[in-house]
Structure formats: C-alpha cells, structure tokens
Amino acid sequence: MARSKEFELNVVLDKAMDIFWRQGYEKTSIQELVDGMGIHRRSLYDTFGDKHQLFMDVLNRYNSISNSNITNRIYRSNSAKEAIRQLFEMLIGFEENQPKGCLIVNTAVELSLLDPEVAVKIQEQFYASEQLFYDLLAGGQHKGEIPEHYDAMDLSLYLHNAWVGLRVMVKTTEDKEKLNSIINTTLAFLG
C-alpha cells in the first residue's frame, strides 16, 4: 500500500524556494533541501523526481506568488502611472527575513546560459513582464494619461530592463532613499 504524503506540497515548495533563493541552484545540495524542507530524501524523489524538477516546480510556485502579488497591486491602482510605480515600489518593500533580490533574476544570471529548460522559463516570465508593462502603457495612452508620442512597445522593454536592474540593486543596498531615487528617475518621463 502506498504511503500518503505527510506534508503539504506548497509548504515544502516554499521552504525549497527560500533555500534556492538564498543560495542559488548550484550551491544547494540535496541534503540541504531535505533538511530545510523537513521531508525524507525518498519523499523528495518520489514527489519531485530530482533536484532539477524540484527547482522547476519552485520557479512555477514563485511565478504564481509573484503574479498574484503583481495583480493585487495593479488592481488597487487608479491609473496606469500609479500601477507602474507600484510595480517598481513593490521591489523595495522587502521583508526583513525575505531573501534579497528576485529568484527569477538570480536564476537568469546563474543558469540561463547553462540550462535550456530554465532559459525557456526565464524568457516566458520576462516576456510576461514586458507584456504587462506594454498593456499598462497602451492603456495609459488610450486614456490620455501617458503621452502618445512614446512607442509603448519600446517603453515596455525599457521599463522591464529597469525593473530587472532594480531587482539586482536591492541585493546590493538597503538604502531606500537611493532606491526611490532610481525609481523616480526611471519613471520621470511619465510625468
């Protein structure tokens, strides 16, 4: 008779996410995952297959959580400009015990050139972010909130690039004044 799982899947994925986020994929051992997730090695392999598949599941979980947080921020905004600002400001509102930076950006830097499956996942997430910025910009232009002489696609690429850069910056400084200055300068063209 098969044993029932003795853990909640999202709870152990969140624990694995924290470990990978802090250490990266390559520096994380199976034993660290087993210890940190609080499950048996056999359960890890039975549930996730191997370290790589666990990591892919973690990336999916991270994307799901991030997308939910982003959606919540956007729907609370009254304008495209405010929504875009909220997307940037959410990056510097990190909690004290949260790993620094962004798991997706960390992974892009660590593995995109080495792991084709990860590279596809990163490209999908980056494209989704670029599309989000495009939709906000185009909507803002349609409402007369953002000048129409800007090309919304070009601006979406620019904003995404700046957004990724800010996710790197939060790993290097806790100076909120500096980070807010970067946001203000980046978004100055919005008026």
N, C-alpha and C. Protein backbone atom coordinates (compact mmCIF):
# COMPACT_ATOMS: atom_id res chain seq x y z
N MET A 1 0.84 -1.17 0.00
CA MET A 1 0.00 0.00 0.00
C MET A 1 0.89 1.24 0.00
N ALA A 2 0.56 2.18 -0.84
CA ALA A 2 1.34 3.42 -0.93
C ALA A 2 1.10 4.29 0.30
N ARG A 3 2.17 4.90 0.78
CA ARG A 3 2.05 5.82 1.91
C ARG A 3 1.49 7.15 1.44
N SER A 4 0.68 7.74 2.28
CA SER A 4 0.18 9.06 1.94
C SER A 4 1.27 10.09 2.26
N LYS A 5 1.24 11.20 1.52
CA LYS A 5 2.22 12.26 1.77
C LYS A 5 1.98 12.83 3.16
N GLU A 6 3.06 13.09 3.85
CA GLU A 6 2.98 13.63 5.21
C GLU A 6 3.32 15.11 5.24
N PHE A 7 3.12 15.79 4.12
CA PHE A 7 3.42 17.21 4.05
C PHE A 7 2.48 17.87 3.04
N GLU A 8 2.35 19.17 3.19
CA GLU A 8 1.55 19.95 2.25
C GLU A 8 2.50 20.46 1.17
N LEU A 9 2.17 20.22 -0.07
CA LEU A 9 3.07 20.48 -1.19
C LEU A 9 3.56 21.92 -1.22
N ASN A 10 2.67 22.91 -1.12
CA ASN A 10 3.09 24.30 -1.21
C ASN A 10 3.97 24.72 -0.04
N VAL A 11 3.76 24.12 1.11
CA VAL A 11 4.60 24.44 2.27
C VAL A 11 6.04 24.01 2.01
N VAL A 12 6.23 22.79 1.51
CA VAL A 12 7.61 22.33 1.25
C VAL A 12 8.21 23.04 0.04
N LEU A 13 7.37 23.38 -0.95
CA LEU A 13 7.89 24.16 -2.08
C LEU A 13 8.37 25.53 -1.62
N ASP A 14 7.62 26.15 -0.71
CA ASP A 14 8.03 27.46 -0.18
C ASP A 14 9.35 27.36 0.58
N LYS A 15 9.54 26.27 1.30
CA LYS A 15 10.81 26.08 2.02
C LYS A 15 11.96 25.87 1.03
N ALA A 16 11.72 25.08 0.00
CA ALA A 16 12.75 24.88 -1.02
C ALA A 16 13.04 26.19 -1.75
N MET A 17 11.98 26.97 -2.01
CA MET A 17 12.15 28.26 -2.67
C MET A 17 13.09 29.15 -1.88
N ASP A 18 12.88 29.22 -0.58
CA ASP A 18 13.72 30.05 0.27
C ASP A 18 15.19 29.63 0.17
N ILE A 19 15.43 28.34 0.17
CA ILE A 19 16.81 27.82 0.11
C ILE A 19 17.44 28.17 -1.25
N PHE A 20 16.75 27.86 -2.33
CA PHE A 20 17.28 28.17 -3.66
C PHE A 20 17.47 29.68 -3.84
N TRP A 21 16.55 30.47 -3.33
CA TRP A 21 16.61 31.92 -3.47
C TRP A 21 17.83 32.48 -2.75
N ARG A 22 18.13 31.94 -1.58
CA ARG A 22 19.27 32.43 -0.79
C ARG A 22 20.61 31.93 -1.35
N GLN A 23 20.65 30.70 -1.83
CA GLN A 23 21.92 30.07 -2.19
C GLN A 23 22.15 29.90 -3.68
N GLY A 24 21.10 29.90 -4.46
CA GLY A 24 21.21 29.57 -5.87
C GLY A 24 21.07 28.07 -6.08
N TYR A 25 20.90 27.70 -7.32
CA TYR A 25 20.69 26.29 -7.64
C TYR A 25 21.94 25.45 -7.41
N GLU A 26 23.05 25.89 -7.99
CA GLU A 26 24.28 25.09 -7.94
C GLU A 26 24.81 24.89 -6.52
N LYS A 27 24.68 25.89 -5.67
CA LYS A 27 25.24 25.80 -4.32
C LYS A 27 24.34 25.06 -3.35
N THR A 28 23.16 24.65 -3.79
CA THR A 28 22.22 23.98 -2.91
C THR A 28 22.33 22.47 -3.10
N SER A 29 22.58 21.77 -2.00
CA SER A 29 22.69 20.31 -2.05
C SER A 29 21.35 19.66 -1.75
N ILE A 30 21.23 18.42 -2.16
CA ILE A 30 20.02 17.64 -1.85
C ILE A 30 19.84 17.55 -0.34
N GLN A 31 20.92 17.35 0.40
CA GLN A 31 20.80 17.24 1.86
C GLN A 31 20.28 18.53 2.48
N GLU A 32 20.74 19.68 1.97
CA GLU A 32 20.22 20.96 2.47
C GLU A 32 18.73 21.09 2.18
N LEU A 33 18.31 20.61 1.02
CA LEU A 33 16.89 20.66 0.68
C LEU A 33 16.07 19.74 1.58
N VAL A 34 16.54 18.52 1.78
CA VAL A 34 15.85 17.57 2.65
C VAL A 34 15.72 18.14 4.06
N ASP A 35 16.82 18.67 4.58
CA ASP A 35 16.80 19.24 5.94
C ASP A 35 15.90 20.47 6.00
N GLY A 36 16.04 21.35 5.03
CA GLY A 36 15.29 22.60 5.04
C GLY A 36 13.81 22.42 4.78
N MET A 37 13.46 21.42 3.97
CA MET A 37 12.07 21.18 3.65
C MET A 37 11.38 20.33 4.73
N GLY A 38 12.21 19.64 5.54
CA GLY A 38 11.65 18.81 6.59
C GLY A 38 10.98 17.55 6.07
N ILE A 39 11.51 17.02 4.98
CA ILE A 39 10.96 15.78 4.42
C ILE A 39 12.09 14.77 4.25
N HIS A 40 11.72 13.53 4.02
CA HIS A 40 12.71 12.49 3.78
C HIS A 40 13.22 12.57 2.35
N ARG A 41 14.43 12.14 2.16
CA ARG A 41 15.04 12.13 0.83
C ARG A 41 14.16 11.37 -0.16
N ARG A 42 13.64 10.23 0.29
CA ARG A 42 12.77 9.42 -0.57
C ARG A 42 11.52 10.21 -0.99
N SER A 43 10.96 10.97 -0.06
CA SER A 43 9.77 11.78 -0.37
C SER A 43 10.10 12.85 -1.40
N LEU A 44 11.29 13.43 -1.30
CA LEU A 44 11.70 14.42 -2.28
C LEU A 44 11.73 13.80 -3.67
N TYR A 45 12.38 12.63 -3.79
CA TYR A 45 12.49 11.98 -5.09
C TYR A 45 11.14 11.47 -5.59
N ASP A 46 10.33 10.90 -4.68
CA ASP A 46 9.01 10.39 -5.09
C ASP A 46 8.09 11.51 -5.55
N THR A 47 8.17 12.66 -4.90
CA THR A 47 7.27 13.77 -5.20
C THR A 47 7.76 14.62 -6.36
N PHE A 48 9.06 14.92 -6.39
CA PHE A 48 9.59 15.88 -7.35
C PHE A 48 10.48 15.27 -8.42
N GLY A 49 10.90 14.05 -8.26
CA GLY A 49 11.76 13.40 -9.24
C GLY A 49 13.23 13.60 -8.94
N ASP A 50 13.69 14.83 -9.04
CA ASP A 50 15.09 15.12 -8.76
C ASP A 50 15.22 16.61 -8.41
N LYS A 51 16.43 17.03 -8.13
CA LYS A 51 16.68 18.42 -7.75
C LYS A 51 16.24 19.39 -8.85
N HIS A 52 16.52 19.05 -10.09
CA HIS A 52 16.18 19.94 -11.19
C HIS A 52 14.67 20.11 -11.31
N GLN A 53 13.93 19.01 -11.23
CA GLN A 53 12.47 19.12 -11.33
C GLN A 53 11.91 19.89 -10.14
N LEU A 54 12.47 19.66 -8.95
CA LEU A 54 12.06 20.43 -7.78
C LEU A 54 12.28 21.93 -8.05
N PHE A 55 13.43 22.26 -8.61
CA PHE A 55 13.73 23.66 -8.91
C PHE A 55 12.73 24.24 -9.91
N MET A 56 12.38 23.47 -10.93
CA MET A 56 11.39 23.94 -11.90
C MET A 56 10.04 24.15 -11.22
N ASP A 57 9.67 23.25 -10.31
CA ASP A 57 8.43 23.41 -9.55
C ASP A 57 8.49 24.65 -8.66
N VAL A 58 9.66 24.91 -8.08
CA VAL A 58 9.86 26.11 -7.27
C VAL A 58 9.69 27.36 -8.12
N LEU A 59 10.27 27.37 -9.32
CA LEU A 59 10.12 28.52 -10.21
C LEU A 59 8.65 28.76 -10.56
N ASN A 60 7.92 27.68 -10.80
CA ASN A 60 6.48 27.82 -11.07
C ASN A 60 5.75 28.39 -9.87
N ARG A 61 6.08 27.91 -8.69
CA ARG A 61 5.45 28.41 -7.46
C ARG A 61 5.79 29.89 -7.26
N TYR A 62 7.06 30.25 -7.46
CA TYR A 62 7.49 31.65 -7.32
C TYR A 62 6.73 32.54 -8.30
N ASN A 63 6.62 32.09 -9.55
CA ASN A 63 5.89 32.87 -10.55
C ASN A 63 4.44 33.05 -10.16
N SER A 64 3.84 32.01 -9.64
CA SER A 64 2.44 32.08 -9.23
C SER A 64 2.25 33.10 -8.11
N ILE A 65 3.12 33.06 -7.12
CA ILE A 65 3.04 34.01 -6.00
C ILE A 65 3.31 35.43 -6.49
N SER A 66 4.35 35.59 -7.30
CA SER A 66 4.70 36.92 -7.83
C SER A 66 3.57 37.50 -8.67
N ASN A 67 3.02 36.67 -9.54
CA ASN A 67 1.93 37.15 -10.40
C ASN A 67 0.72 37.55 -9.59
N SER A 68 0.44 36.83 -8.53
CA SER A 68 -0.68 37.18 -7.65
C SER A 68 -0.42 38.52 -6.96
N ASN A 69 0.80 38.70 -6.46
CA ASN A 69 1.16 39.97 -5.81
C ASN A 69 1.08 41.14 -6.79
N ILE A 70 1.55 40.92 -8.00
CA ILE A 70 1.51 41.96 -9.03
C ILE A 70 0.07 42.31 -9.37
N THR A 71 -0.74 41.30 -9.59
CA THR A 71 -2.15 41.53 -9.93
C THR A 71 -2.85 42.32 -8.83
N ASN A 72 -2.60 41.96 -7.58
CA ASN A 72 -3.21 42.68 -6.46
C ASN A 72 -2.80 44.15 -6.46
N ARG A 73 -1.55 44.43 -6.73
CA ARG A 73 -1.07 45.81 -6.76
C ARG A 73 -1.70 46.60 -7.89
N ILE A 74 -1.78 45.99 -9.06
CA ILE A 74 -2.31 46.69 -10.22
C ILE A 74 -3.79 47.02 -10.03
N TYR A 75 -4.55 46.08 -9.51
CA TYR A 75 -5.99 46.31 -9.34
C TYR A 75 -6.29 47.35 -8.27
N ARG A 76 -5.36 47.59 -7.38
CA ARG A 76 -5.55 48.64 -6.37
C ARG A 76 -5.19 50.01 -6.91
N SER A 77 -4.55 50.06 -8.06
CA SER A 77 -4.11 51.33 -8.64
C SER A 77 -5.24 51.97 -9.43
N ASN A 78 -5.29 53.30 -9.38
CA ASN A 78 -6.32 54.05 -10.09
C ASN A 78 -5.90 54.46 -11.48
N SER A 79 -4.63 54.30 -11.81
CA SER A 79 -4.16 54.75 -13.12
C SER A 79 -2.98 53.88 -13.56
N ALA A 80 -2.68 53.97 -14.85
CA ALA A 80 -1.53 53.23 -15.40
C ALA A 80 -0.24 53.71 -14.76
N LYS A 81 -0.10 55.03 -14.61
CA LYS A 81 1.11 55.58 -13.98
C LYS A 81 1.29 55.03 -12.57
N GLU A 82 0.20 55.04 -11.82
CA GLU A 82 0.26 54.54 -10.45
C GLU A 82 0.58 53.05 -10.42
N ALA A 83 0.00 52.28 -11.33
CA ALA A 83 0.26 50.84 -11.39
C ALA A 83 1.73 50.57 -11.70
N ILE A 84 2.29 51.30 -12.65
CA ILE A 84 3.70 51.13 -13.00
C ILE A 84 4.58 51.48 -11.81
N ARG A 85 4.28 52.59 -11.14
CA ARG A 85 5.05 52.97 -9.96
C ARG A 85 4.94 51.88 -8.88
N GLN A 86 3.75 51.33 -8.70
CA GLN A 86 3.55 50.27 -7.71
C GLN A 86 4.42 49.05 -8.02
N LEU A 87 4.54 48.72 -9.29
CA LEU A 87 5.38 47.58 -9.68
C LEU A 87 6.83 47.79 -9.27
N PHE A 88 7.30 49.03 -9.42
CA PHE A 88 8.68 49.33 -9.02
C PHE A 88 8.81 49.38 -7.50
N GLU A 89 7.87 50.02 -6.86
CA GLU A 89 7.97 50.18 -5.40
C GLU A 89 7.83 48.85 -4.65
N MET A 90 7.12 47.90 -5.24
CA MET A 90 6.99 46.60 -4.56
C MET A 90 8.35 45.91 -4.44
N LEU A 91 9.30 46.26 -5.30
CA LEU A 91 10.61 45.63 -5.28
C LEU A 91 11.46 46.08 -4.10
N ILE A 92 11.17 47.26 -3.58
CA ILE A 92 11.99 47.77 -2.47
C ILE A 92 11.27 47.65 -1.13
N GLY A 93 10.09 47.06 -1.14
CA GLY A 93 9.34 46.86 0.10
C GLY A 93 9.56 45.47 0.66
N PHE A 94 10.80 45.00 0.65
CA PHE A 94 11.09 43.65 1.08
C PHE A 94 10.98 43.49 2.59
N GLU A 95 10.61 42.28 2.98
CA GLU A 95 10.51 41.96 4.40
C GLU A 95 11.89 41.62 4.93
N GLU A 96 12.06 41.76 6.24
CA GLU A 96 13.36 41.58 6.86
C GLU A 96 13.95 40.19 6.63
N ASN A 97 13.16 39.14 6.74
CA ASN A 97 13.67 37.77 6.61
C ASN A 97 13.62 37.23 5.19
N GLN A 98 13.09 38.03 4.26
CA GLN A 98 12.97 37.58 2.88
C GLN A 98 14.34 37.63 2.21
N PRO A 99 14.64 36.63 1.36
CA PRO A 99 15.89 36.71 0.61
C PRO A 99 15.89 37.97 -0.26
N LYS A 100 17.06 38.47 -0.53
CA LYS A 100 17.17 39.71 -1.30
C LYS A 100 17.10 39.42 -2.79
N GLY A 101 16.62 40.42 -3.50
CA GLY A 101 16.55 40.31 -4.95
C GLY A 101 15.34 39.51 -5.39
N CYS A 102 15.47 38.89 -6.53
CA CYS A 102 14.37 38.18 -7.17
C CYS A 102 14.88 36.81 -7.62
N LEU A 103 14.14 35.78 -7.29
CA LEU A 103 14.56 34.43 -7.67
C LEU A 103 14.67 34.29 -9.19
N ILE A 104 13.78 34.92 -9.94
CA ILE A 104 13.82 34.81 -11.40
C ILE A 104 15.08 35.49 -11.95
N VAL A 105 15.38 36.68 -11.47
CA VAL A 105 16.58 37.39 -11.95
C VAL A 105 17.84 36.65 -11.49
N ASN A 106 17.86 36.18 -10.25
CA ASN A 106 19.01 35.40 -9.77
C ASN A 106 19.23 34.18 -10.67
N THR A 107 18.14 33.50 -11.00
CA THR A 107 18.22 32.31 -11.83
C THR A 107 18.66 32.66 -13.24
N ALA A 108 18.17 33.77 -13.77
CA ALA A 108 18.58 34.20 -15.10
C ALA A 108 20.09 34.38 -15.17
N VAL A 109 20.64 35.00 -14.15
CA VAL A 109 22.08 35.25 -14.11
C VAL A 109 22.85 33.93 -13.93
N GLU A 110 22.35 33.07 -13.05
CA GLU A 110 23.08 31.83 -12.74
C GLU A 110 22.96 30.76 -13.82
N LEU A 111 21.77 30.57 -14.39
CA LEU A 111 21.54 29.36 -15.18
C LEU A 111 21.09 29.54 -16.62
N SER A 112 20.70 30.73 -17.03
CA SER A 112 20.11 30.89 -18.37
C SER A 112 21.00 30.38 -19.50
N LEU A 113 22.28 30.57 -19.37
CA LEU A 113 23.20 30.12 -20.43
C LEU A 113 23.57 28.65 -20.30
N LEU A 114 23.23 28.04 -19.17
CA LEU A 114 23.65 26.67 -18.91
C LEU A 114 22.53 25.64 -19.00
N ASP A 115 21.30 26.08 -18.85
CA ASP A 115 20.17 25.15 -18.74
C ASP A 115 19.05 25.62 -19.66
N PRO A 116 18.87 24.93 -20.80
CA PRO A 116 17.85 25.37 -21.76
C PRO A 116 16.43 25.39 -21.19
N GLU A 117 16.07 24.45 -20.33
CA GLU A 117 14.73 24.42 -19.75
C GLU A 117 14.50 25.63 -18.85
N VAL A 118 15.50 25.97 -18.06
CA VAL A 118 15.42 27.15 -17.22
C VAL A 118 15.37 28.41 -18.09
N ALA A 119 16.18 28.45 -19.14
CA ALA A 119 16.20 29.61 -20.02
C ALA A 119 14.82 29.88 -20.62
N VAL A 120 14.12 28.83 -21.01
CA VAL A 120 12.77 28.99 -21.55
C VAL A 120 11.85 29.57 -20.48
N LYS A 121 11.93 29.06 -19.27
CA LYS A 121 11.09 29.54 -18.17
C LYS A 121 11.36 31.03 -17.89
N ILE A 122 12.63 31.41 -17.89
CA ILE A 122 13.01 32.80 -17.65
C ILE A 122 12.49 33.69 -18.78
N GLN A 123 12.66 33.25 -20.01
CA GLN A 123 12.19 34.04 -21.15
C GLN A 123 10.67 34.21 -21.10
N GLU A 124 9.95 33.16 -20.72
CA GLU A 124 8.49 33.27 -20.59
C GLU A 124 8.11 34.32 -19.56
N GLN A 125 8.80 34.29 -18.42
CA GLN A 125 8.48 35.25 -17.36
C GLN A 125 8.86 36.67 -17.77
N PHE A 126 10.02 36.83 -18.41
CA PHE A 126 10.42 38.15 -18.87
C PHE A 126 9.44 38.68 -19.92
N TYR A 127 9.01 37.82 -20.84
CA TYR A 127 8.06 38.24 -21.85
C TYR A 127 6.74 38.67 -21.19
N ALA A 128 6.30 37.92 -20.20
CA ALA A 128 5.05 38.27 -19.50
C ALA A 128 5.18 39.63 -18.82
N SER A 129 6.34 39.92 -18.26
CA SER A 129 6.57 41.22 -17.62
C SER A 129 6.57 42.34 -18.65
N GLU A 130 7.24 42.11 -19.77
CA GLU A 130 7.25 43.10 -20.84
C GLU A 130 5.83 43.36 -21.34
N GLN A 131 5.05 42.30 -21.48
CA GLN A 131 3.66 42.43 -21.94
C GLN A 131 2.82 43.20 -20.92
N LEU A 132 3.06 42.95 -19.65
CA LEU A 132 2.35 43.67 -18.60
C LEU A 132 2.63 45.17 -18.70
N PHE A 133 3.90 45.53 -18.84
CA PHE A 133 4.25 46.94 -19.00
C PHE A 133 3.61 47.51 -20.27
N TYR A 134 3.64 46.75 -21.35
CA TYR A 134 3.03 47.22 -22.59
C TYR A 134 1.54 47.50 -22.40
N ASP A 135 0.85 46.55 -21.78
CA ASP A 135 -0.60 46.72 -21.57
C ASP A 135 -0.89 47.95 -20.72
N LEU A 136 -0.10 48.16 -19.67
CA LEU A 136 -0.31 49.34 -18.83
C LEU A 136 -0.03 50.63 -19.60
N LEU A 137 1.06 50.63 -20.35
CA LEU A 137 1.41 51.83 -21.13
C LEU A 137 0.38 52.12 -22.21
N ALA A 138 -0.01 51.10 -22.96
CA ALA A 138 -1.00 51.31 -24.03
C ALA A 138 -2.33 51.76 -23.44
N GLY A 139 -2.72 51.18 -22.32
CA GLY A 139 -3.95 51.60 -21.65
C GLY A 139 -3.85 53.04 -21.17
N GLY A 140 -2.70 53.41 -20.63
CA GLY A 140 -2.47 54.78 -20.19
C GLY A 140 -2.49 55.76 -21.34
N GLN A 141 -1.97 55.36 -22.49
CA GLN A 141 -2.00 56.22 -23.67
C GLN A 141 -3.44 56.37 -24.17
N HIS A 142 -4.16 55.29 -24.16
CA HIS A 142 -5.56 55.33 -24.62
C HIS A 142 -6.39 56.28 -23.76
N LYS A 143 -6.09 56.34 -22.46
CA LYS A 143 -6.83 57.21 -21.55
C LYS A 143 -6.26 58.63 -21.52
N GLY A 144 -5.18 58.88 -22.28
CA GLY A 144 -4.58 60.20 -22.31
C GLY A 144 -3.68 60.49 -21.12
N GLU A 145 -3.36 59.48 -20.39
CA GLU A 145 -2.55 59.62 -19.18
C GLU A 145 -1.05 59.62 -19.49
N ILE A 146 -0.68 58.92 -20.54
CA ILE A 146 0.72 58.80 -20.95
C ILE A 146 0.82 59.34 -22.38
N PRO A 147 1.80 60.21 -22.64
CA PRO A 147 1.92 60.82 -23.97
C PRO A 147 1.99 59.76 -25.08
N GLU A 148 1.25 60.01 -26.14
CA GLU A 148 1.17 59.05 -27.25
C GLU A 148 2.38 59.09 -28.17
N HIS A 149 3.24 60.10 -28.03
CA HIS A 149 4.41 60.14 -28.91
C HIS A 149 5.44 59.08 -28.53
N TYR A 150 5.27 58.46 -27.37
CA TYR A 150 6.14 57.33 -26.99
C TYR A 150 5.63 56.06 -27.66
N ASP A 151 6.54 55.21 -28.07
CA ASP A 151 6.17 53.90 -28.58
C ASP A 151 6.01 52.96 -27.38
N ALA A 152 4.80 52.46 -27.18
CA ALA A 152 4.51 51.65 -25.99
C ALA A 152 5.37 50.39 -25.93
N MET A 153 5.67 49.78 -27.07
CA MET A 153 6.50 48.57 -27.06
C MET A 153 7.93 48.90 -26.65
N ASP A 154 8.48 49.96 -27.22
CA ASP A 154 9.84 50.36 -26.83
C ASP A 154 9.91 50.70 -25.34
N LEU A 155 8.91 51.43 -24.87
CA LEU A 155 8.88 51.79 -23.45
C LEU A 155 8.72 50.56 -22.55
N SER A 156 7.95 49.59 -23.00
CA SER A 156 7.78 48.38 -22.18
C SER A 156 9.10 47.64 -22.02
N LEU A 157 9.89 47.61 -23.08
CA LEU A 157 11.22 46.97 -23.00
C LEU A 157 12.14 47.76 -22.06
N TYR A 158 12.08 49.07 -22.18
CA TYR A 158 12.88 49.94 -21.29
C TYR A 158 12.49 49.74 -19.83
N LEU A 159 11.18 49.77 -19.56
CA LEU A 159 10.73 49.62 -18.17
C LEU A 159 11.07 48.24 -17.63
N HIS A 160 10.93 47.21 -18.46
CA HIS A 160 11.28 45.87 -17.99
C HIS A 160 12.77 45.79 -17.65
N ASN A 161 13.59 46.37 -18.51
CA ASN A 161 15.03 46.37 -18.25
C ASN A 161 15.35 47.09 -16.94
N ALA A 162 14.71 48.23 -16.72
CA ALA A 162 14.92 48.98 -15.48
C ALA A 162 14.41 48.20 -14.28
N TRP A 163 13.30 47.49 -14.46
CA TRP A 163 12.70 46.69 -13.38
C TRP A 163 13.64 45.55 -12.99
N VAL A 164 14.24 44.88 -13.98
CA VAL A 164 15.21 43.82 -13.71
C VAL A 164 16.43 44.41 -13.00
N GLY A 165 16.89 45.56 -13.47
CA GLY A 165 18.04 46.21 -12.85
C GLY A 165 17.78 46.56 -11.39
N LEU A 166 16.58 47.04 -11.10
CA LEU A 166 16.24 47.37 -9.71
C LEU A 166 16.22 46.12 -8.85
N ARG A 167 15.79 45.00 -9.43
CA ARG A 167 15.78 43.74 -8.67
C ARG A 167 17.21 43.28 -8.34
N VAL A 168 18.16 43.69 -9.16
CA VAL A 168 19.56 43.41 -8.84
C VAL A 168 20.04 44.39 -7.76
N MET A 169 19.67 45.66 -7.90
CA MET A 169 20.11 46.69 -6.94
C MET A 169 19.68 46.38 -5.51
N VAL A 170 18.49 45.82 -5.33
CA VAL A 170 18.05 45.55 -3.96
C VAL A 170 18.89 44.48 -3.28
N LYS A 171 19.70 43.78 -4.05
CA LYS A 171 20.63 42.82 -3.46
C LYS A 171 21.89 43.51 -2.94
N THR A 172 22.14 44.71 -3.44
CA THR A 172 23.40 45.37 -3.11
C THR A 172 23.26 46.51 -2.11
N THR A 173 22.04 46.98 -1.88
CA THR A 173 21.86 48.09 -0.96
C THR A 173 20.51 48.01 -0.26
N GLU A 174 20.48 48.50 0.96
CA GLU A 174 19.22 48.64 1.69
C GLU A 174 18.84 50.11 1.82
N ASP A 175 19.56 50.97 1.11
CA ASP A 175 19.33 52.40 1.14
C ASP A 175 18.06 52.73 0.35
N LYS A 176 16.94 52.85 1.06
CA LYS A 176 15.64 53.07 0.41
C LYS A 176 15.61 54.42 -0.32
N GLU A 177 16.31 55.40 0.21
CA GLU A 177 16.36 56.71 -0.46
C GLU A 177 17.00 56.58 -1.84
N LYS A 178 18.09 55.84 -1.89
CA LYS A 178 18.76 55.61 -3.17
C LYS A 178 17.86 54.85 -4.13
N LEU A 179 17.20 53.81 -3.64
CA LEU A 179 16.33 53.01 -4.48
C LEU A 179 15.13 53.82 -4.97
N ASN A 180 14.57 54.63 -4.10
CA ASN A 180 13.46 55.50 -4.51
C ASN A 180 13.91 56.53 -5.54
N SER A 181 15.12 57.02 -5.41
CA SER A 181 15.67 57.96 -6.38
C SER A 181 15.78 57.30 -7.75
N ILE A 182 16.21 56.06 -7.78
CA ILE A 182 16.31 55.31 -9.04
C ILE A 182 14.91 55.17 -9.66
N ILE A 183 13.93 54.84 -8.84
CA ILE A 183 12.55 54.70 -9.34
C ILE A 183 12.06 56.03 -9.91
N ASN A 184 12.26 57.10 -9.16
CA ASN A 184 11.79 58.42 -9.61
C ASN A 184 12.43 58.84 -10.93
N THR A 185 13.71 58.61 -11.05
CA THR A 185 14.41 58.95 -12.30
C THR A 185 13.93 58.08 -13.45
N THR A 186 13.77 56.79 -13.19
CA THR A 186 13.31 55.86 -14.23
C THR A 186 11.94 56.24 -14.76
N LEU A 187 11.06 56.66 -13.86
CA LEU A 187 9.67 56.93 -14.24
C LEU A 187 9.39 58.40 -14.53
N ALA A 188 10.42 59.23 -14.54
CA ALA A 188 10.23 60.69 -14.73
C ALA A 188 9.52 61.01 -16.04
N PHE A 189 9.73 60.21 -17.08
CA PHE A 189 9.11 60.50 -18.36
C PHE A 189 7.58 60.37 -18.30
N LEU A 190 7.07 59.65 -17.31
CA LEU A 190 5.62 59.50 -17.18
C LEU A 190 4.95 60.78 -16.69
N GLY A 191 5.74 61.66 -16.13
CA GLY A 191 5.21 62.95 -15.64
C GLY A 191 4.63 62.87 -14.26
